[in-house]
N, C-alpha and C. Protein backbone atom coordinates (compact mmCIF):
# COMPACT_ATOMS: atom_id res chain seq x y z
N MET A 1 0.74 -1.12 -0.18
CA MET A 1 0.21 0.15 0.13
C MET A 1 0.92 1.09 -0.01
N PRO A 2 2.32 0.94 0.68
CA PRO A 2 2.53 2.44 1.13
C PRO A 2 3.33 2.78 -0.58
N VAL A 3 3.66 1.55 -1.50
CA VAL A 3 4.42 2.11 -2.67
C VAL A 3 2.98 2.39 -3.59
N PHE A 4 2.00 1.86 -3.72
CA PHE A 4 0.88 2.02 -4.35
C PHE A 4 0.73 3.49 -4.05
N ALA A 5 0.45 4.39 -2.85
CA ALA A 5 0.19 5.77 -2.77
C ALA A 5 1.18 6.38 -2.84
N CYS A 6 2.68 5.99 -2.87
CA CYS A 6 3.82 6.72 -3.40
C CYS A 6 3.86 6.76 -5.07
N ILE A 7 3.30 5.51 -5.65
CA ILE A 7 2.99 5.90 -7.33
C ILE A 7 2.21 7.00 -7.78
N ILE A 8 1.10 6.88 -6.82
CA ILE A 8 -0.25 7.69 -7.01
C ILE A 8 0.61 9.31 -6.87
N ILE A 9 1.20 9.54 -5.97
CA ILE A 9 1.71 10.88 -5.54
C ILE A 9 2.95 11.68 -6.74
N VAL A 10 3.69 10.59 -7.05
CA VAL A 10 4.51 10.84 -7.93
C VAL A 10 3.77 10.95 -9.66
N PHE A 11 2.72 10.07 -9.85
CA PHE A 11 2.07 10.42 -10.85
C PHE A 11 0.97 11.82 -10.97
N GLY A 12 0.87 12.20 -9.86
CA GLY A 12 0.20 12.98 -9.43
C GLY A 12 0.98 14.39 -10.15
N LEU A 13 2.23 14.54 -9.16
CA LEU A 13 2.89 15.80 -9.27
C LEU A 13 3.60 15.67 -10.55
N ILE A 14 3.59 14.46 -11.37
CA ILE A 14 4.16 14.72 -12.91
C ILE A 14 3.08 15.46 -13.80
N LYS A 15 2.12 14.78 -13.42
CA LYS A 15 1.00 15.25 -14.07
C LYS A 15 0.36 16.96 -13.72
N LYS A 16 1.34 17.40 -12.91
CA LYS A 16 1.04 18.92 -12.19
C LYS A 16 -0.48 18.90 -11.33
N VAL A 17 -0.79 17.84 -10.77
CA VAL A 17 -2.31 17.86 -10.01
C VAL A 17 -1.73 18.34 -8.29
N ALA A 18 -2.80 18.91 -7.65
CA ALA A 18 -2.48 19.48 -6.77
C ALA A 18 -3.20 18.09 -5.50
N VAL A 19 -2.13 17.12 -5.31
CA VAL A 19 -2.63 15.88 -5.16
C VAL A 19 -2.96 15.87 -3.51
N PHE A 20 -2.80 16.75 -2.86
CA PHE A 20 -3.58 16.88 -1.62
C PHE A 20 -4.65 17.46 -1.45
N ASP A 21 -5.35 18.47 -2.37
CA ASP A 21 -6.30 19.22 -2.29
C ASP A 21 -7.36 18.12 -3.41
N VAL A 22 -7.15 17.59 -4.31
CA VAL A 22 -7.88 16.29 -4.85
C VAL A 22 -7.90 15.21 -3.54
N PHE A 23 -7.26 14.68 -2.61
CA PHE A 23 -7.54 14.00 -1.82
C PHE A 23 -8.23 14.48 -1.02
N LEU A 24 -8.24 15.77 -0.53
CA LEU A 24 -9.25 16.42 0.41
C LEU A 24 -10.41 16.09 -0.18
N LYS A 25 -10.70 16.89 -1.26
CA LYS A 25 -11.88 16.67 -1.63
C LYS A 25 -12.45 15.46 -2.23
N GLY A 26 -11.75 14.39 -2.47
CA GLY A 26 -12.60 12.98 -2.33
C GLY A 26 -12.60 12.36 -0.93
N ALA A 27 -11.80 12.88 -0.02
CA ALA A 27 -12.32 12.30 1.45
C ALA A 27 -13.75 13.13 1.72
N LYS A 28 -13.93 14.32 1.52
CA LYS A 28 -15.31 15.28 1.71
C LYS A 28 -16.38 14.28 0.91
N GLU A 29 -15.91 13.88 0.05
CA GLU A 29 -17.30 13.27 -0.88
C GLU A 29 -17.61 11.85 -0.42
N GLY A 30 -16.40 11.49 0.11
CA GLY A 30 -16.63 9.71 0.88
C GLY A 30 -17.56 10.13 2.13
N MET A 31 -17.30 11.45 2.49
CA MET A 31 -17.79 11.50 4.22
C MET A 31 -19.38 11.76 3.85
N GLN A 32 -19.52 12.82 2.57
CA GLN A 32 -21.07 12.95 2.51
C GLN A 32 -21.81 11.69 2.19
N ILE A 33 -21.28 10.63 1.29
CA ILE A 33 -21.59 9.50 0.95
C ILE A 33 -22.18 8.41 2.03
N LEU A 34 -21.31 8.49 2.87
CA LEU A 34 -21.58 7.80 4.05
C LEU A 34 -22.46 8.21 5.29
N TYR A 35 -22.37 9.62 5.05
CA TYR A 35 -23.41 10.00 5.86
C TYR A 35 -24.98 9.83 5.15
N SER A 36 -25.17 9.83 3.80
CA SER A 36 -26.19 9.67 3.43
C SER A 36 -26.51 8.40 3.07
N ILE A 37 -25.79 7.25 3.27
CA ILE A 37 -26.07 5.97 3.66
C ILE A 37 -26.40 5.14 4.76
N ALA A 38 -25.59 6.02 5.94
CA ALA A 38 -25.82 5.59 6.90
C ALA A 38 -26.93 4.81 7.66
N PRO A 39 -28.22 5.67 7.67
CA PRO A 39 -29.25 5.48 7.95
C PRO A 39 -29.52 3.84 7.50
N THR A 40 -29.66 3.73 6.39
CA THR A 40 -29.69 2.44 5.65
C THR A 40 -29.08 1.09 6.22
N ILE A 41 -28.00 1.67 6.53
CA ILE A 41 -26.99 0.36 6.77
C ILE A 41 -27.52 0.20 8.40
N ILE A 42 -27.64 1.13 9.29
CA ILE A 42 -27.92 1.18 10.52
C ILE A 42 -29.20 0.24 10.82
N GLY A 43 -30.24 0.63 9.62
CA GLY A 43 -31.44 -0.08 9.90
C GLY A 43 -31.19 -1.65 9.27
N LEU A 44 -30.35 -1.70 8.72
CA LEU A 44 -30.40 -3.16 8.17
C LEU A 44 -29.56 -4.18 9.28
N VAL A 45 -28.57 -3.38 9.80
CA VAL A 45 -27.93 -3.96 11.13
C VAL A 45 -28.75 -4.32 12.18
N PHE A 46 -29.87 -3.43 12.47
CA PHE A 46 -30.72 -3.29 13.32
C PHE A 46 -31.93 -4.62 13.08
N ALA A 47 -32.13 -4.79 11.81
CA ALA A 47 -33.03 -5.62 11.48
C ALA A 47 -32.34 -7.07 11.60
N VAL A 48 -31.26 -7.33 11.11
CA VAL A 48 -30.45 -8.52 11.23
C VAL A 48 -30.38 -8.73 12.55
N ASP A 49 -30.17 -8.15 13.68
CA ASP A 49 -29.80 -8.27 15.13
C ASP A 49 -31.09 -8.56 15.37
N LEU A 50 -32.20 -7.91 14.87
CA LEU A 50 -33.49 -8.32 15.50
C LEU A 50 -34.11 -9.68 15.28
N LEU A 51 -33.89 -10.09 13.90
CA LEU A 51 -34.26 -11.45 13.60
C LEU A 51 -33.61 -12.81 14.38
N ARG A 52 -31.85 -12.23 14.64
CA ARG A 52 -31.35 -13.20 15.08
C ARG A 52 -31.55 -13.53 16.33
N SER A 53 -31.79 -12.35 17.12
CA SER A 53 -32.10 -12.12 18.68
C SER A 53 -33.62 -12.69 19.10
N SER A 54 -34.15 -12.46 18.13
CA SER A 54 -35.95 -12.58 18.60
C SER A 54 -36.16 -14.30 18.47
N GLY A 55 -35.45 -15.23 17.62
CA GLY A 55 -35.48 -16.49 17.34
C GLY A 55 -36.40 -16.31 16.05
N ALA A 56 -36.22 -15.40 15.69
CA ALA A 56 -37.34 -15.51 13.99
C ALA A 56 -36.39 -16.53 12.95
N ILE A 57 -35.10 -16.18 12.97
CA ILE A 57 -34.43 -17.41 11.71
C ILE A 57 -34.82 -18.69 12.38
N ASP A 58 -34.86 -19.11 13.56
CA ASP A 58 -34.80 -20.40 13.90
C ASP A 58 -36.32 -20.95 13.49
N VAL A 59 -37.17 -20.37 13.53
CA VAL A 59 -38.53 -20.42 13.54
C VAL A 59 -38.67 -20.78 12.12
N LEU A 60 -38.25 -19.71 11.17
CA LEU A 60 -38.01 -19.64 10.08
C LEU A 60 -37.50 -21.31 9.65
N CYS A 61 -36.20 -21.65 9.77
CA CYS A 61 -35.56 -22.84 9.58
C CYS A 61 -35.88 -23.99 10.05
N SER A 62 -36.94 -23.94 10.95
CA SER A 62 -37.76 -25.21 11.72
C SER A 62 -39.05 -25.49 10.25
N PHE A 63 -39.27 -24.81 9.80
CA PHE A 63 -40.19 -24.47 9.02
C PHE A 63 -39.62 -25.38 7.30
N ILE A 64 -38.49 -24.52 7.27
CA ILE A 64 -37.90 -25.06 5.77
C ILE A 64 -36.99 -25.93 5.57
N GLU A 65 -36.34 -26.64 7.06
CA GLU A 65 -35.40 -27.60 7.19
C GLU A 65 -36.23 -29.32 6.27
N PRO A 66 -37.35 -29.38 6.97
CA PRO A 66 -38.04 -30.70 6.18
C PRO A 66 -38.09 -30.47 4.65
N ALA A 67 -38.43 -29.15 4.15
CA ALA A 67 -38.67 -29.81 2.51
C ALA A 67 -36.82 -29.63 2.12
N ALA A 68 -36.28 -28.99 2.89
CA ALA A 68 -34.85 -28.92 1.99
C ALA A 68 -34.22 -30.42 2.36
N ASP A 69 -34.33 -31.01 3.49
CA ASP A 69 -34.02 -32.35 3.47
C ASP A 69 -34.69 -33.15 2.60
N PHE A 70 -35.94 -32.89 2.18
CA PHE A 70 -36.51 -33.53 1.07
C PHE A 70 -36.05 -33.21 0.00
N LEU A 71 -35.48 -32.24 -0.44
CA LEU A 71 -34.93 -31.77 -1.69
C LEU A 71 -33.31 -32.29 -2.00
N GLY A 72 -32.86 -32.95 -0.80
CA GLY A 72 -31.58 -33.13 -0.64
C GLY A 72 -30.87 -32.24 -0.05
N PHE A 73 -30.89 -31.09 0.34
CA PHE A 73 -30.23 -30.01 1.24
C PHE A 73 -30.01 -30.50 2.59
N PRO A 74 -28.87 -30.32 2.62
CA PRO A 74 -28.18 -30.60 4.11
C PRO A 74 -29.06 -29.54 4.94
N PRO A 75 -29.79 -29.92 5.82
CA PRO A 75 -30.56 -28.87 6.74
C PRO A 75 -29.92 -28.18 7.40
N GLU A 76 -28.38 -28.69 7.96
CA GLU A 76 -27.52 -27.61 8.78
C GLU A 76 -27.15 -26.06 7.75
N ILE A 77 -27.76 -26.23 6.54
CA ILE A 77 -27.27 -25.24 5.85
C ILE A 77 -28.40 -23.95 5.97
N VAL A 78 -29.40 -24.50 6.15
CA VAL A 78 -30.48 -23.81 5.51
C VAL A 78 -30.68 -22.24 6.26
N PRO A 79 -30.36 -22.11 7.75
CA PRO A 79 -29.79 -20.97 8.66
C PRO A 79 -28.94 -20.35 7.39
N MET A 80 -28.17 -20.80 7.08
CA MET A 80 -26.77 -19.95 6.55
C MET A 80 -27.40 -19.43 5.05
N VAL A 81 -28.28 -20.30 4.42
CA VAL A 81 -29.20 -20.14 3.09
C VAL A 81 -29.76 -18.64 3.57
N LEU A 82 -30.79 -18.92 4.86
CA LEU A 82 -31.42 -17.33 4.97
C LEU A 82 -30.63 -16.23 5.04
N LEU A 83 -29.65 -16.32 6.17
CA LEU A 83 -28.67 -15.34 6.35
C LEU A 83 -27.79 -14.66 5.65
N ARG A 84 -27.03 -15.57 4.82
CA ARG A 84 -26.25 -14.89 3.71
C ARG A 84 -26.38 -13.57 2.92
N PRO A 85 -27.65 -13.65 2.69
CA PRO A 85 -28.22 -12.58 1.50
C PRO A 85 -28.42 -11.30 2.59
N VAL A 86 -28.44 -11.48 4.10
CA VAL A 86 -28.31 -10.49 4.87
C VAL A 86 -27.44 -10.02 5.67
N SER A 87 -26.70 -10.44 5.85
CA SER A 87 -25.39 -10.25 6.73
C SER A 87 -24.18 -11.04 6.30
N GLY A 88 -23.25 -10.65 5.98
CA GLY A 88 -22.05 -11.30 5.78
C GLY A 88 -21.27 -12.09 7.06
N SER A 89 -21.22 -11.12 8.07
CA SER A 89 -21.04 -11.31 9.43
C SER A 89 -21.52 -12.51 10.09
N GLY A 90 -22.77 -12.47 9.75
CA GLY A 90 -23.93 -13.27 10.67
C GLY A 90 -23.50 -15.05 9.92
N SER A 91 -23.54 -14.73 8.24
CA SER A 91 -23.34 -15.80 8.03
C SER A 91 -21.92 -16.77 7.89
N THR A 92 -20.98 -15.84 8.14
CA THR A 92 -19.42 -16.36 8.72
C THR A 92 -19.33 -16.77 9.89
N ALA A 93 -20.45 -16.09 10.71
CA ALA A 93 -20.15 -17.08 11.99
C ALA A 93 -21.01 -18.28 11.98
N LEU A 94 -22.47 -18.16 11.16
CA LEU A 94 -22.83 -19.70 10.79
C LEU A 94 -22.17 -20.92 10.04
N LEU A 95 -21.24 -20.26 9.35
CA LEU A 95 -20.33 -21.10 8.69
C LEU A 95 -18.94 -21.72 10.00
N THR A 96 -18.90 -20.96 10.53
CA THR A 96 -17.60 -21.34 11.39
C THR A 96 -18.60 -22.37 12.71
N SER A 97 -19.70 -21.97 12.85
CA SER A 97 -20.30 -23.24 13.93
C SER A 97 -20.63 -24.08 12.97
N LEU A 98 -20.87 -24.24 12.18
CA LEU A 98 -21.08 -25.32 11.22
C LEU A 98 -20.12 -26.09 11.33
N PHE A 99 -18.90 -25.42 10.84
CA PHE A 99 -17.61 -26.00 10.98
C PHE A 99 -16.96 -26.99 11.75
N GLU A 100 -17.43 -26.41 13.14
CA GLU A 100 -17.43 -26.86 14.44
C GLU A 100 -18.45 -28.34 14.49
N THR A 101 -19.20 -28.17 14.32
CA THR A 101 -20.34 -29.19 14.59
C THR A 101 -20.03 -30.31 13.64
N SER A 102 -20.21 -30.01 12.41
CA SER A 102 -20.17 -30.93 11.61
C SER A 102 -19.09 -31.46 10.71
N GLY A 103 -18.21 -30.64 10.91
CA GLY A 103 -16.51 -30.54 10.16
C GLY A 103 -16.39 -29.92 8.87
N PRO A 104 -15.28 -29.22 8.41
CA PRO A 104 -15.05 -28.46 7.05
C PRO A 104 -15.08 -29.51 6.10
N ASP A 105 -15.16 -30.87 6.50
CA ASP A 105 -14.59 -31.95 5.47
C ASP A 105 -15.98 -32.47 5.30
N SER A 106 -17.16 -32.63 5.74
CA SER A 106 -18.55 -32.99 5.79
C SER A 106 -19.27 -32.56 4.58
N PHE A 107 -20.28 -33.32 4.06
CA PHE A 107 -20.84 -32.65 2.76
C PHE A 107 -21.61 -31.13 3.25
N ALA A 108 -22.14 -31.09 4.30
CA ALA A 108 -22.91 -29.74 4.93
C ALA A 108 -21.66 -28.73 5.22
N GLY A 109 -20.33 -29.11 5.55
CA GLY A 109 -19.52 -28.03 5.62
C GLY A 109 -19.00 -27.62 4.22
N ARG A 110 -18.90 -28.70 3.24
CA ARG A 110 -18.46 -28.16 1.99
C ARG A 110 -19.69 -27.71 1.11
N VAL A 111 -20.68 -27.99 1.03
CA VAL A 111 -22.00 -27.01 0.48
C VAL A 111 -21.59 -25.60 1.46
N ALA A 112 -21.58 -25.38 2.46
CA ALA A 112 -21.56 -24.37 3.09
C ALA A 112 -20.31 -23.27 2.45
N SER A 113 -19.44 -23.79 2.17
CA SER A 113 -18.15 -23.30 2.05
C SER A 113 -18.30 -22.83 0.63
N VAL A 114 -18.75 -23.47 -0.50
CA VAL A 114 -19.30 -23.37 -1.75
C VAL A 114 -20.02 -22.02 -1.82
N LEU A 115 -21.47 -22.07 -0.96
CA LEU A 115 -22.13 -21.20 -1.02
C LEU A 115 -21.66 -19.79 -0.23
N ALA A 116 -20.51 -19.76 0.79
CA ALA A 116 -20.13 -18.34 1.13
C ALA A 116 -19.27 -17.83 0.25
N GLY A 117 -18.45 -18.67 -0.66
CA GLY A 117 -17.70 -18.23 -1.70
C GLY A 117 -18.62 -18.11 -3.11
N SER A 118 -19.91 -18.22 -3.20
CA SER A 118 -20.60 -17.81 -4.52
C SER A 118 -21.79 -17.09 -4.38
N SER A 119 -22.16 -16.84 -3.24
CA SER A 119 -23.10 -15.66 -2.98
C SER A 119 -22.89 -14.63 -2.43
N GLU A 120 -23.80 -13.65 -2.29
CA GLU A 120 -23.11 -12.42 -2.19
C GLU A 120 -24.26 -11.73 -0.97
N THR A 121 -24.02 -10.56 -0.10
CA THR A 121 -24.88 -10.41 0.86
C THR A 121 -25.68 -9.26 -0.15
N THR A 122 -26.49 -9.79 -0.51
CA THR A 122 -27.69 -9.04 -1.24
C THR A 122 -28.08 -7.81 -0.72
N PHE A 123 -28.78 -8.01 0.14
CA PHE A 123 -29.54 -7.07 0.91
C PHE A 123 -28.36 -5.85 1.34
N TYR A 124 -27.68 -6.03 2.02
CA TYR A 124 -26.25 -4.98 2.38
C TYR A 124 -25.98 -4.63 0.98
N ALA A 125 -25.93 -5.20 -0.09
CA ALA A 125 -25.19 -4.40 -1.33
C ALA A 125 -26.06 -3.52 -2.19
N ILE A 126 -27.67 -4.22 -1.92
CA ILE A 126 -28.51 -3.01 -2.50
C ILE A 126 -28.68 -1.71 -1.76
N ALA A 127 -28.84 -2.50 -0.05
CA ALA A 127 -28.88 -0.72 0.64
C ALA A 127 -27.88 0.12 0.34
N MET A 128 -26.43 -0.53 0.32
CA MET A 128 -25.48 0.39 0.39
C MET A 128 -25.47 0.85 -1.50
N TYR A 129 -25.44 0.12 -2.29
CA TYR A 129 -25.27 1.01 -3.57
C TYR A 129 -26.65 1.60 -4.35
N PHE A 130 -27.89 1.27 -3.93
CA PHE A 130 -28.84 2.28 -4.09
C PHE A 130 -29.30 2.79 -3.31
N GLY A 131 -28.56 3.21 -1.86
CA GLY A 131 -28.92 4.08 -1.31
C GLY A 131 -27.68 5.35 -1.71
N CYS A 132 -26.38 4.68 -1.90
CA CYS A 132 -25.89 6.08 -2.28
C CYS A 132 -26.21 6.96 -3.44
N ILE A 133 -26.68 5.88 -4.41
CA ILE A 133 -27.18 6.91 -5.23
C ILE A 133 -28.74 7.44 -5.44
N ARG A 134 -29.57 6.93 -4.36
CA ARG A 134 -30.80 7.29 -3.71
C ARG A 134 -31.69 6.81 -5.00
N VAL A 135 -31.85 5.43 -5.43
CA VAL A 135 -32.60 4.90 -6.21
C VAL A 135 -33.31 4.17 -4.94
N LYS A 136 -34.75 4.62 -5.36
CA LYS A 136 -35.95 3.81 -4.36
C LYS A 136 -36.47 2.56 -5.02
N LYS A 137 -37.02 2.44 -6.20
CA LYS A 137 -37.33 1.50 -7.09
C LYS A 137 -36.63 0.19 -7.29
N ILE A 138 -36.44 -0.26 -6.45
CA ILE A 138 -35.43 -1.83 -6.46
C ILE A 138 -36.28 -3.04 -6.56
N ARG A 139 -37.41 -3.28 -7.06
CA ARG A 139 -38.33 -4.23 -7.33
C ARG A 139 -37.51 -5.21 -8.19
N HIS A 140 -37.16 -4.91 -9.34
CA HIS A 140 -36.58 -5.81 -10.33
C HIS A 140 -35.21 -6.40 -9.70
N THR A 141 -34.06 -5.39 -9.33
CA THR A 141 -33.12 -6.07 -8.86
C THR A 141 -33.06 -6.86 -7.69
N LEU A 142 -34.02 -6.20 -6.50
CA LEU A 142 -34.08 -7.39 -5.40
C LEU A 142 -34.80 -9.04 -6.05
N PHE A 143 -35.59 -8.66 -7.28
CA PHE A 143 -36.02 -10.08 -7.50
C PHE A 143 -34.95 -11.05 -8.20
N ALA A 144 -34.42 -10.56 -9.00
CA ALA A 144 -32.97 -10.82 -9.43
C ALA A 144 -31.82 -11.18 -8.55
N ALA A 145 -31.76 -10.39 -7.71
CA ALA A 145 -30.82 -10.93 -6.65
C ALA A 145 -31.09 -12.28 -5.91
N ILE A 146 -32.37 -11.96 -5.26
CA ILE A 146 -33.19 -13.38 -4.54
C ILE A 146 -33.08 -14.54 -5.47
N LEU A 147 -33.42 -13.94 -6.68
CA LEU A 147 -33.35 -15.69 -7.60
C LEU A 147 -31.92 -16.13 -7.90
N ALA A 148 -30.73 -14.99 -8.00
CA ALA A 148 -29.33 -15.47 -8.01
C ALA A 148 -29.05 -16.22 -6.44
N ASP A 149 -29.28 -15.84 -5.27
CA ASP A 149 -28.72 -16.34 -4.25
C ASP A 149 -29.89 -17.91 -4.12
N MET A 150 -30.92 -17.65 -4.62
CA MET A 150 -31.55 -19.23 -4.54
C MET A 150 -30.73 -20.21 -5.71
N THR A 151 -30.25 -19.56 -6.88
CA THR A 151 -29.53 -20.36 -7.47
C THR A 151 -28.14 -20.94 -6.98
N ALA A 152 -27.65 -19.85 -6.42
CA ALA A 152 -26.55 -20.11 -5.44
C ALA A 152 -26.26 -21.10 -4.59
N ALA A 153 -27.63 -21.47 -3.67
CA ALA A 153 -27.65 -22.59 -2.74
C ALA A 153 -28.01 -23.72 -3.39
N VAL A 154 -28.78 -23.41 -4.50
CA VAL A 154 -28.83 -25.00 -5.58
C VAL A 154 -27.82 -25.89 -5.87
N MET A 155 -27.02 -24.70 -6.41
CA MET A 155 -25.70 -24.99 -7.42
C MET A 155 -24.75 -25.37 -6.57
N SER A 156 -24.76 -24.80 -5.14
CA SER A 156 -23.71 -25.22 -3.97
C SER A 156 -23.94 -26.97 -3.84
N VAL A 157 -25.19 -27.35 -3.50
CA VAL A 157 -25.39 -28.54 -3.35
C VAL A 157 -25.02 -29.31 -4.76
N ILE A 158 -25.37 -28.80 -5.78
CA ILE A 158 -24.92 -29.71 -6.85
C ILE A 158 -23.62 -29.84 -7.28
N THR A 159 -22.70 -28.76 -6.79
CA THR A 159 -21.40 -28.53 -7.32
C THR A 159 -20.93 -29.66 -6.48
N VAL A 160 -21.16 -29.99 -4.79
CA VAL A 160 -20.43 -30.69 -4.16
C VAL A 160 -20.49 -31.97 -4.60
N ARG A 161 -21.90 -32.30 -4.71
CA ARG A 161 -22.25 -33.70 -4.99
C ARG A 161 -21.46 -34.13 -6.28
N LEU A 162 -21.51 -33.25 -7.48
CA LEU A 162 -20.81 -33.72 -8.26
C LEU A 162 -19.46 -34.00 -8.06
N TYR A 163 -18.61 -33.32 -7.54
CA TYR A 163 -17.09 -33.16 -6.91
C TYR A 163 -16.86 -34.39 -6.11
N PHE A 164 -17.80 -34.11 -4.85
CA PHE A 164 -17.43 -35.31 -4.06
C PHE A 164 -18.39 -36.15 -3.31
N GLY A 165 -19.15 -36.48 -3.92
CA GLY A 165 -20.50 -37.18 -3.90
C GLY A 165 -21.50 -36.85 -2.14
N THR A 166 -22.12 -37.49 -1.78
CA THR A 166 -23.02 -37.05 -0.79
C THR A 166 -22.67 -37.34 0.70
N SER A 167 -21.34 -37.69 0.75
CA SER A 167 -20.93 -38.22 2.15
C SER A 167 -19.25 -37.21 2.27
């Protein structure tokens, strides 16, 4: 990073750009963006914490796990499938917990690993990027993103089955 910063400064000096002034202008714009998206991010974090602490995620998982088991999904990954689109840190905590209980080389551990690497924190990304540019109509983006999350979950199971089998 220090070398990269030095290259930028040298390049700016060669081009006769007021490097420090441009830096301050960018920092000011960054703070304005942070100020504009902070309420959205705070609301999202609050909602995730509320769902986790109230037990709503556990109740939802108990309804979905029988169907997931019937379809060949390991029931252990259902909480991660539900939480991954909402919270990266929450899904990482679930992944770590799953590794401790089932093991990283178990079928569920492998599926969860592929899912973690191939999916996005959809609601966070939408809140961040769309909130930054003040887009309010996110209906089609949200539908496509949730469809992509479901596809990632299904393809994680299929991929692990193809490469490793079910055990």
